């Protein structure tokens, strides 16, 4: 796996998992749960899109390496 692909995978997973955790803490500290509620759709959309594209690139790299 190339370095760029590793970085893309890390970023996609951070957006998918890390951002909701951060917004959960912000919501707990402020008591306003709308921060978490409004951040979830964007985090999941961006995270899953990045994850799907990154996994496709990883599969393509493996197929190219096998040839």
C-alpha atoms as a PDB file:
ATOM      1  CA  UNK A   1       0.000   0.000   0.000  1.00  0.00           C
ATOM      2  CA  UNK A   2       1.379   3.388  -0.981  1.00  0.00           C
ATOM      3  CA  UNK A   3       1.884   6.212   1.505  1.00  0.00           C
ATOM      4  CA  UNK A   4      -0.858   8.354  -0.043  1.00  0.00           C
ATOM      5  CA  UNK A   5      -3.340   5.512   0.283  1.00  0.00           C
ATOM      6  CA  UNK A   6      -2.433   4.975   3.939  1.00  0.00           C
ATOM      7  CA  UNK A   7      -2.947   8.665   4.666  1.00  0.00           C
ATOM      8  CA  UNK A   8      -6.293   8.666   2.836  1.00  0.00           C
ATOM      9  CA  UNK A   9      -7.449   5.619   4.809  1.00  0.00           C
ATOM     10  CA  UNK A  10      -6.438   7.236   8.107  1.00  0.00           C
ATOM     11  CA  UNK A  11      -8.218  10.487   7.251  1.00  0.00           C
ATOM     12  CA  UNK A  12     -11.401   8.689   6.146  1.00  0.00           C
ATOM     13  CA  UNK A  13     -11.504   6.685   9.377  1.00  0.00           C
ATOM     14  CA  UNK A  14     -10.779   9.784  11.467  1.00  0.00           C
ATOM     15  CA  UNK A  15     -13.637  11.684   9.822  1.00  0.00           C
ATOM     16  CA  UNK A  16     -15.930   8.681  10.248  1.00  0.00           C
ATOM     17  CA  UNK A  17     -15.080   8.009  13.912  1.00  0.00           C
ATOM     18  CA  UNK A  18     -13.109  10.947  15.301  1.00  0.00           C
ATOM     19  CA  UNK A  19     -15.371  13.832  14.359  1.00  0.00           C
ATOM     20  CA  UNK A  20     -18.510  12.331  15.961  1.00  0.00           C
ATOM     21  CA  UNK A  21     -16.508  11.684  19.146  1.00  0.00           C
ATOM     22  CA  UNK A  22     -15.267  15.286  19.176  1.00  0.00           C
ATOM     23  CA  UNK A  23     -18.774  16.634  18.625  1.00  0.00           C
ATOM     24  CA  UNK A  24     -20.106  14.322  21.348  1.00  0.00           C
ATOM     25  CA  UNK A  25     -17.701  15.901  23.844  1.00  0.00           C
ATOM     26  CA  UNK A  26     -18.609  19.396  22.628  1.00  0.00           C
ATOM     27  CA  UNK A  27     -22.301  18.575  23.035  1.00  0.00           C
ATOM     28  CA  UNK A  28     -21.742  17.165  26.514  1.00  0.00           C
ATOM     29  CA  UNK A  29     -19.785  20.248  27.592  1.00  0.00           C
ATOM     30  CA  UNK A  30     -22.270  22.780  26.206  1.00  0.00           C
ATOM     31  CA  UNK A  31     -25.452  20.821  26.847  1.00  0.00           C
ATOM     32  CA  UNK A  32     -26.592  21.616  23.296  1.00  0.00           C
ATOM     33  CA  UNK A  33     -27.015  18.281  21.505  1.00  0.00           C
ATOM     34  CA  UNK A  34     -27.726  19.962  18.174  1.00  0.00           C
ATOM     35  CA  UNK A  35     -23.954  20.134  17.582  1.00  0.00           C
ATOM     36  CA  UNK A  36     -23.850  16.337  17.470  1.00  0.00           C
ATOM     37  CA  UNK A  37     -27.130  15.993  15.618  1.00  0.00           C
ATOM     38  CA  UNK A  38     -26.145  18.342  12.805  1.00  0.00           C
ATOM     39  CA  UNK A  39     -22.592  17.001  12.470  1.00  0.00           C
ATOM     40  CA  UNK A  40     -23.485  13.314  12.076  1.00  0.00           C
ATOM     41  CA  UNK A  41     -24.879  13.359   8.507  1.00  0.00           C
ATOM     42  CA  UNK A  42     -21.908  15.311   7.183  1.00  0.00           C
ATOM     43  CA  UNK A  43     -19.371  13.159   9.017  1.00  0.00           C
ATOM     44  CA  UNK A  44     -20.901   9.904   7.833  1.00  0.00           C
ATOM     45  CA  UNK A  45     -21.327  11.124   4.255  1.00  0.00           C
ATOM     46  CA  UNK A  46     -17.752  12.381   3.980  1.00  0.00           C
ATOM     47  CA  UNK A  47     -16.308   9.434   5.908  1.00  0.00           C
ATOM     48  CA  UNK A  48     -18.063   6.694   3.941  1.00  0.00           C
ATOM     49  CA  UNK A  49     -17.344   8.380   0.607  1.00  0.00           C
ATOM     50  CA  UNK A  50     -13.656   8.685   1.444  1.00  0.00           C
ATOM     51  CA  UNK A  51     -13.548   5.131   2.774  1.00  0.00           C
ATOM     52  CA  UNK A  52     -15.176   3.640  -0.325  1.00  0.00           C
ATOM     53  CA  UNK A  53     -12.859   5.526  -2.693  1.00  0.00           C
ATOM     54  CA  UNK A  54      -9.787   4.601  -0.636  1.00  0.00           C
ATOM     55  CA  UNK A  55     -10.716   0.921  -0.476  1.00  0.00           C
ATOM     56  CA  UNK A  56     -11.224   0.905  -4.250  1.00  0.00           C
ATOM     57  CA  UNK A  57      -7.739   2.360  -4.731  1.00  0.00           C
ATOM     58  CA  UNK A  58      -6.280  -0.270  -2.388  1.00  0.00           C
ATOM     59  CA  UNK A  59      -7.956  -3.060  -4.393  1.00  0.00           C
ATOM     60  CA  UNK A  60      -6.684  -1.573  -7.648  1.00  0.00           C
ATOM     61  CA  UNK A  61      -3.145  -1.350  -6.244  1.00  0.00           C
ATOM     62  CA  UNK A  62      -3.260  -4.999  -5.171  1.00  0.00           C
ATOM     63  CA  UNK A  63      -4.522  -6.119  -8.582  1.00  0.00           C
ATOM     64  CA  UNK A  64      -1.764  -4.140 -10.295  1.00  0.00           C
ATOM     65  CA  UNK A  65       0.871  -5.610  -7.949  1.00  0.00           C
ATOM     66  CA  UNK A  66      -0.280  -9.173  -8.718  1.00  0.00           C
ATOM     67  CA  UNK A  67       0.256  -8.730 -12.453  1.00  0.00           C
END
